[in-house]
Amino acid sequence: MGMTNKQFQGFVRLTLAQIERALKESPDNKELQELKDIFQLMIEDGN
C-alpha cells in the first residue's frame, strides 16, 4: 500500500517544518540547509 500524492506532500511539509525549526537552533548547519533546500524543491516539483 503506497502513499497518495497528497499524503506524500503532507509528509514533506511536516518534515520541512521540523528542519526549519532545527535551523532556528543551528542556523550555521550546512547539512540542514541543504536538506531544507531538497525538501523545498520536492514541494515545488509536486505543485
C-alpha atoms as a PDB file:
ATOM      1  CA  MET A   1       0.000   0.000   0.000  1.00  0.00           C
ATOM      2  CA  GLY A   2       1.532   3.275  -1.108  1.00  0.00           C
ATOM      3  CA  MET A   3       1.006   6.900  -0.241  1.00  0.00           C
ATOM      4  CA  THR A   4      -1.135   9.224  -2.264  1.00  0.00           C
ATOM      5  CA  ASN A   5       0.447  12.387  -3.630  1.00  0.00           C
ATOM      6  CA  LYS A   6      -1.480  14.410  -1.055  1.00  0.00           C
ATOM      7  CA  GLN A   7      -0.184  12.231   1.787  1.00  0.00           C
ATOM      8  CA  PHE A   8       3.362  12.478   0.463  1.00  0.00           C
ATOM      9  CA  GLN A   9       3.139  16.267   0.206  1.00  0.00           C
ATOM     10  CA  GLY A  10       1.883  16.379   3.799  1.00  0.00           C
ATOM     11  CA  PHE A  11       4.834  14.276   4.922  1.00  0.00           C
ATOM     12  CA  VAL A  12       7.261  16.556   3.074  1.00  0.00           C
ATOM     13  CA  ARG A  13       5.693  19.695   4.582  1.00  0.00           C
ATOM     14  CA  LEU A  14       5.790  18.218   8.098  1.00  0.00           C
ATOM     15  CA  THR A  15       9.437  17.235   7.681  1.00  0.00           C
ATOM     16  CA  LEU A  16      10.312  20.635   6.229  1.00  0.00           C
ATOM     17  CA  ALA A  17       8.718  22.356   9.228  1.00  0.00           C
ATOM     18  CA  GLN A  18      10.894  20.284  11.574  1.00  0.00           C
ATOM     19  CA  ILE A  19      14.011  21.064   9.535  1.00  0.00           C
ATOM     20  CA  GLU A  20      13.196  24.772   9.721  1.00  0.00           C
ATOM     21  CA  ARG A  21      12.760  24.500  13.497  1.00  0.00           C
ATOM     22  CA  ALA A  22      16.158  22.802  13.776  1.00  0.00           C
ATOM     23  CA  LEU A  23      17.728  25.524  11.630  1.00  0.00           C
ATOM     24  CA  LYS A  24      16.494  28.171  14.071  1.00  0.00           C
ATOM     25  CA  GLU A  25      18.598  26.485  16.741  1.00  0.00           C
ATOM     26  CA  SER A  26      21.565  25.795  14.441  1.00  0.00           C
ATOM     27  CA  PRO A  27      21.448  28.352  11.618  1.00  0.00           C
ATOM     28  CA  ASP A  28      25.020  27.598  10.518  1.00  0.00           C
ATOM     29  CA  ASN A  29      24.363  23.886   9.934  1.00  0.00           C
ATOM     30  CA  LYS A  30      25.086  23.484   6.211  1.00  0.00           C
ATOM     31  CA  GLU A  31      23.765  19.904   6.074  1.00  0.00           C
ATOM     32  CA  LEU A  32      20.405  21.003   7.472  1.00  0.00           C
ATOM     33  CA  GLN A  33      20.280  23.891   4.995  1.00  0.00           C
ATOM     34  CA  GLU A  34      20.975  21.511   2.095  1.00  0.00           C
ATOM     35  CA  LEU A  35      18.267  19.159   3.352  1.00  0.00           C
ATOM     36  CA  LYS A  36      15.835  22.063   3.592  1.00  0.00           C
ATOM     37  CA  ASP A  37      16.643  23.048   0.010  1.00  0.00           C
ATOM     38  CA  ILE A  38      15.981  19.494  -1.195  1.00  0.00           C
ATOM     39  CA  PHE A  39      12.653  19.269   0.617  1.00  0.00           C
ATOM     40  CA  GLN A  40      11.660  22.719  -0.660  1.00  0.00           C
ATOM     41  CA  LEU A  41      12.302  21.524  -4.219  1.00  0.00           C
ATOM     42  CA  MET A  42      10.164  18.450  -3.552  1.00  0.00           C
ATOM     43  CA  ILE A  43       7.239  20.712  -2.611  1.00  0.00           C
ATOM     44  CA  GLU A  44       7.763  22.950  -5.647  1.00  0.00           C
ATOM     45  CA  ASP A  45       8.009  19.967  -8.017  1.00  0.00           C
ATOM     46  CA  GLY A  46       4.820  18.470  -6.591  1.00  0.00           C
ATOM     47  CA  ASN A  47       2.704  21.554  -7.366  1.00  0.00           C
END
